[in-house]
Amino acid sequence: GSGKAKKNRKNPNDPARFIGTLAATKEGEAADIHSYLDTEKIDAEAQYDGLYAVCTDLLDDAVSDILKVSEGRWQIEECFRIMKTDFSARPIYLQDENRIKAHFLICFLALLSYRILEKKLDYKYTCETLLGTLKSINFAEIQEQGFMPLYKRETITDDLHAVSGFRTDYQFITKSQMKTIQKRSKGRE
């Protein structure tokens, strides 16, 4: 039934589209079905290797403008992917309109903060790597005297310290030093 109809539809990325079948002899008589690799079809598609087709109705626009729109589209799609996966923006179980708006405002502000940090770090790290590192930066409070870092110092933590303008990887950070770090992290010195 419907399963066979679906199987016959070939996805444009399905390698099965290069398999041809023959069910007749050279004399035209019925024969067993034989499959073969359709090299003519492969060669015909090879001329498009390395090219990316863009369909548009912007017929009067310059090609460079159309490509900018296309490039912006994948960046927007990547933003939504980051929000859904890395920032766990969905699913949400809110009903009040103000709370829903607040939730998405926080998500967009987090995305903006991430994009600024990503740019300052010269696009060196993935979102997943950055978030994982930031989440691992924890401290132990030592008897009301100060803080001891509980994370491992790595190249990425050094890079984060460099772009943020403060360090938290000392063996021991007094309460006074931590207050100064907190002020610097908020842009108040």
Protein backbone atom coordinates (compact mmCIF):
# COMPACT_ATOMS: atom_id res chain seq x y z
CA GLY A 1 0.00 0.00 0.00
CA SER A 2 1.30 3.37 1.09
CA GLY A 3 4.69 1.98 2.21
CA LYS A 4 5.57 0.98 -1.37
CA ALA A 5 4.58 4.37 -2.76
CA LYS A 6 6.81 6.06 -0.19
CA LYS A 7 9.71 3.72 -1.02
CA ASN A 8 9.50 4.61 -4.72
CA ARG A 9 9.91 8.33 -3.99
CA LYS A 10 13.64 9.06 -4.07
CA ASN A 11 15.06 11.67 -1.73
CA PRO A 12 17.44 14.03 -3.60
CA ASN A 13 20.20 12.93 -1.18
CA ASP A 14 19.44 9.20 -1.39
CA PRO A 15 22.30 7.28 -3.03
CA ALA A 16 19.72 4.77 -4.34
CA ARG A 17 18.94 7.29 -7.10
CA PHE A 18 22.14 6.11 -8.82
CA ILE A 19 20.95 2.50 -9.03
CA GLY A 20 19.30 1.57 -12.32
CA THR A 21 17.36 -1.62 -13.09
CA LEU A 22 17.01 -3.71 -16.24
CA ALA A 23 14.20 -6.20 -16.69
CA ALA A 24 14.58 -7.10 -20.37
CA THR A 25 17.12 -8.78 -22.64
CA LYS A 26 18.72 -6.97 -25.58
CA GLU A 27 16.06 -8.64 -27.77
CA GLY A 28 13.33 -7.06 -25.62
CA GLU A 29 12.22 -10.25 -23.92
CA ALA A 30 11.21 -10.24 -20.22
CA ALA A 31 14.08 -11.24 -17.94
CA ASP A 32 15.14 -11.28 -14.31
CA ILE A 33 15.60 -7.81 -12.81
CA HIS A 34 19.24 -6.76 -12.72
CA SER A 35 20.47 -3.70 -10.83
CA TYR A 36 23.44 -1.65 -12.01
CA LEU A 37 25.32 1.49 -11.02
CA ASP A 38 24.09 4.27 -13.31
CA THR A 39 27.42 6.01 -14.04
CA GLU A 40 25.78 8.36 -16.57
CA LYS A 41 23.51 9.72 -13.82
CA ILE A 42 26.51 10.07 -11.48
CA ASP A 43 28.48 11.99 -14.15
CA ALA A 44 25.46 14.21 -14.90
CA GLU A 45 25.16 15.19 -11.20
CA ALA A 46 28.94 15.57 -10.77
CA GLN A 47 28.83 18.84 -12.75
CA TYR A 48 27.01 20.38 -9.76
CA ASP A 49 29.54 19.20 -7.13
CA GLY A 50 30.59 22.09 -4.90
CA LEU A 51 27.64 24.24 -5.98
CA TYR A 52 24.67 25.24 -3.87
CA ALA A 53 21.39 26.10 -5.60
CA VAL A 54 19.26 28.94 -4.27
CA CYS A 55 15.65 29.41 -5.42
CA THR A 56 14.30 32.92 -5.10
CA ASP A 57 11.61 35.27 -6.33
CA LEU A 58 13.93 38.29 -5.85
CA LEU A 59 14.50 38.56 -9.60
CA ASP A 60 15.45 42.26 -9.61
CA ASP A 61 17.98 41.97 -6.73
CA ALA A 62 21.74 41.64 -7.14
CA VAL A 63 23.15 38.12 -6.74
CA SER A 64 25.33 39.30 -3.81
CA ASP A 65 22.21 40.59 -1.98
CA ILE A 66 20.39 37.30 -2.55
CA LEU A 67 23.39 35.37 -1.18
CA LYS A 68 23.48 37.64 1.91
CA VAL A 69 19.83 36.79 2.58
CA SER A 70 20.58 33.07 2.15
CA GLU A 71 23.61 33.29 4.46
CA GLY A 72 21.58 35.13 7.08
CA ARG A 73 18.95 32.39 6.95
CA TRP A 74 21.31 29.59 8.03
CA GLN A 75 22.63 31.84 10.83
CA ILE A 76 19.08 32.39 12.06
CA GLU A 77 18.38 28.65 11.86
CA GLU A 78 21.59 27.99 13.84
CA CYS A 79 20.41 30.45 16.52
CA PHE A 80 17.14 28.53 16.89
CA ARG A 81 19.06 25.22 17.05
CA ILE A 82 21.30 26.59 19.81
CA MET A 83 18.29 27.87 21.75
CA LYS A 84 16.43 24.55 21.46
CA THR A 85 19.38 22.26 22.21
CA ASP A 86 22.15 24.04 24.14
CA PHE A 87 19.91 26.52 25.99
CA SER A 88 16.99 24.07 26.44
CA ALA A 89 14.49 26.81 25.54
CA ARG A 90 11.83 24.21 24.74
CA PRO A 91 9.58 22.69 25.84
CA ILE A 92 8.09 25.33 28.09
CA TYR A 93 5.23 24.76 30.48
CA LEU A 94 4.12 28.36 30.97
CA GLN A 95 0.65 29.74 30.36
CA ASP A 96 0.81 33.37 31.48
CA GLU A 97 1.69 35.55 28.48
CA ASN A 98 4.09 37.75 30.50
CA ARG A 99 5.97 34.70 31.78
CA ILE A 100 6.25 33.27 28.26
CA LYS A 101 7.61 36.61 26.99
CA ALA A 102 10.04 36.78 29.93
CA HIS A 103 11.23 33.22 29.24
CA PHE A 104 11.99 33.98 25.59
CA LEU A 105 13.56 37.35 26.47
CA ILE A 106 15.96 35.52 28.80
CA CYS A 107 16.70 32.98 26.05
CA PHE A 108 17.41 35.71 23.48
CA LEU A 109 19.60 37.63 25.96
CA ALA A 110 21.53 34.40 26.66
CA LEU A 111 21.92 33.88 22.90
CA LEU A 112 23.13 37.48 22.46
CA SER A 113 25.62 37.06 25.33
CA TYR A 114 26.84 33.82 23.78
CA ARG A 115 27.26 35.41 20.33
CA ILE A 116 29.27 38.31 21.80
CA LEU A 117 31.47 35.88 23.74
CA GLU A 118 31.84 33.66 20.65
CA LYS A 119 33.04 36.67 18.62
CA LYS A 120 35.46 37.83 21.37
CA LEU A 121 36.93 34.31 21.38
CA ASP A 122 37.40 34.44 17.57
CA TYR A 123 34.87 31.59 17.01
CA LYS A 124 37.43 29.18 18.50
CA TYR A 125 34.94 27.08 20.54
CA THR A 126 31.54 25.51 19.91
CA CYS A 127 28.53 26.60 21.93
CA GLU A 128 28.43 23.20 23.63
CA THR A 129 32.10 23.47 24.66
CA LEU A 130 31.72 27.02 25.97
CA LEU A 131 28.58 26.24 27.96
CA GLY A 132 30.11 23.07 29.39
CA THR A 133 33.19 25.00 30.50
CA LEU A 134 31.19 27.88 31.99
CA LYS A 135 29.00 25.42 33.90
CA SER A 136 32.08 23.69 35.31
CA ILE A 137 33.54 26.89 36.79
CA ASN A 138 32.58 26.32 40.43
CA PHE A 139 34.13 27.28 43.77
CA ALA A 140 34.21 25.93 47.30
CA GLU A 141 33.71 28.44 50.11
CA ILE A 142 36.46 27.95 52.68
CA GLN A 143 35.36 28.64 56.27
CA GLU A 144 33.98 32.13 55.61
CA GLN A 145 37.46 33.26 54.48
CA GLY A 146 37.26 32.95 50.72
CA PHE A 147 36.93 30.65 47.75
CA MET A 148 38.91 27.87 46.11
CA PRO A 149 38.35 27.07 42.40
CA LEU A 150 37.02 23.56 41.77
CA TYR A 151 37.62 23.54 38.02
CA LYS A 152 40.59 22.49 35.93
CA ARG A 153 42.59 25.25 34.30
CA GLU A 154 42.70 24.74 30.52
CA THR A 155 43.32 26.80 27.39
CA ILE A 156 39.61 27.61 27.17
CA THR A 157 39.49 28.90 30.77
CA ASP A 158 42.58 31.03 30.07
CA ASP A 159 40.87 32.41 26.95
CA LEU A 160 37.69 33.15 28.93
CA HIS A 161 39.73 34.98 31.58
CA ALA A 162 41.51 36.99 28.87
CA VAL A 163 38.28 38.23 27.23
CA SER A 164 36.48 38.87 30.53
CA GLY A 165 39.30 40.95 32.02
CA PHE A 166 39.48 39.08 35.34
CA ARG A 167 40.84 35.78 36.64
CA THR A 168 39.27 33.23 38.98
CA ASP A 169 41.83 30.44 38.73
CA TYR A 170 44.03 31.42 41.68
CA GLN A 171 44.60 28.75 44.33
CA PHE A 172 42.66 30.84 46.84
CA ILE A 173 40.46 33.89 46.35
CA THR A 174 39.69 36.04 49.38
CA LYS A 175 36.16 37.39 49.86
CA SER A 176 37.48 40.85 49.03
CA GLN A 177 39.08 39.60 45.79
CA MET A 178 35.82 37.82 44.85
CA LYS A 179 33.81 41.04 45.38
CA THR A 180 36.25 42.85 43.07
CA ILE A 181 35.88 40.07 40.46
CA GLN A 182 32.07 40.30 40.72
CA LYS A 183 32.19 44.09 40.23
CA ARG A 184 34.47 43.69 37.19
CA SER A 185 32.18 41.02 35.72
CA LYS A 186 29.31 43.51 35.90
CA GLY A 187 31.39 46.27 34.33
CA ARG A 188 31.65 48.24 37.58
CA GLU A 189 35.14 48.82 38.90
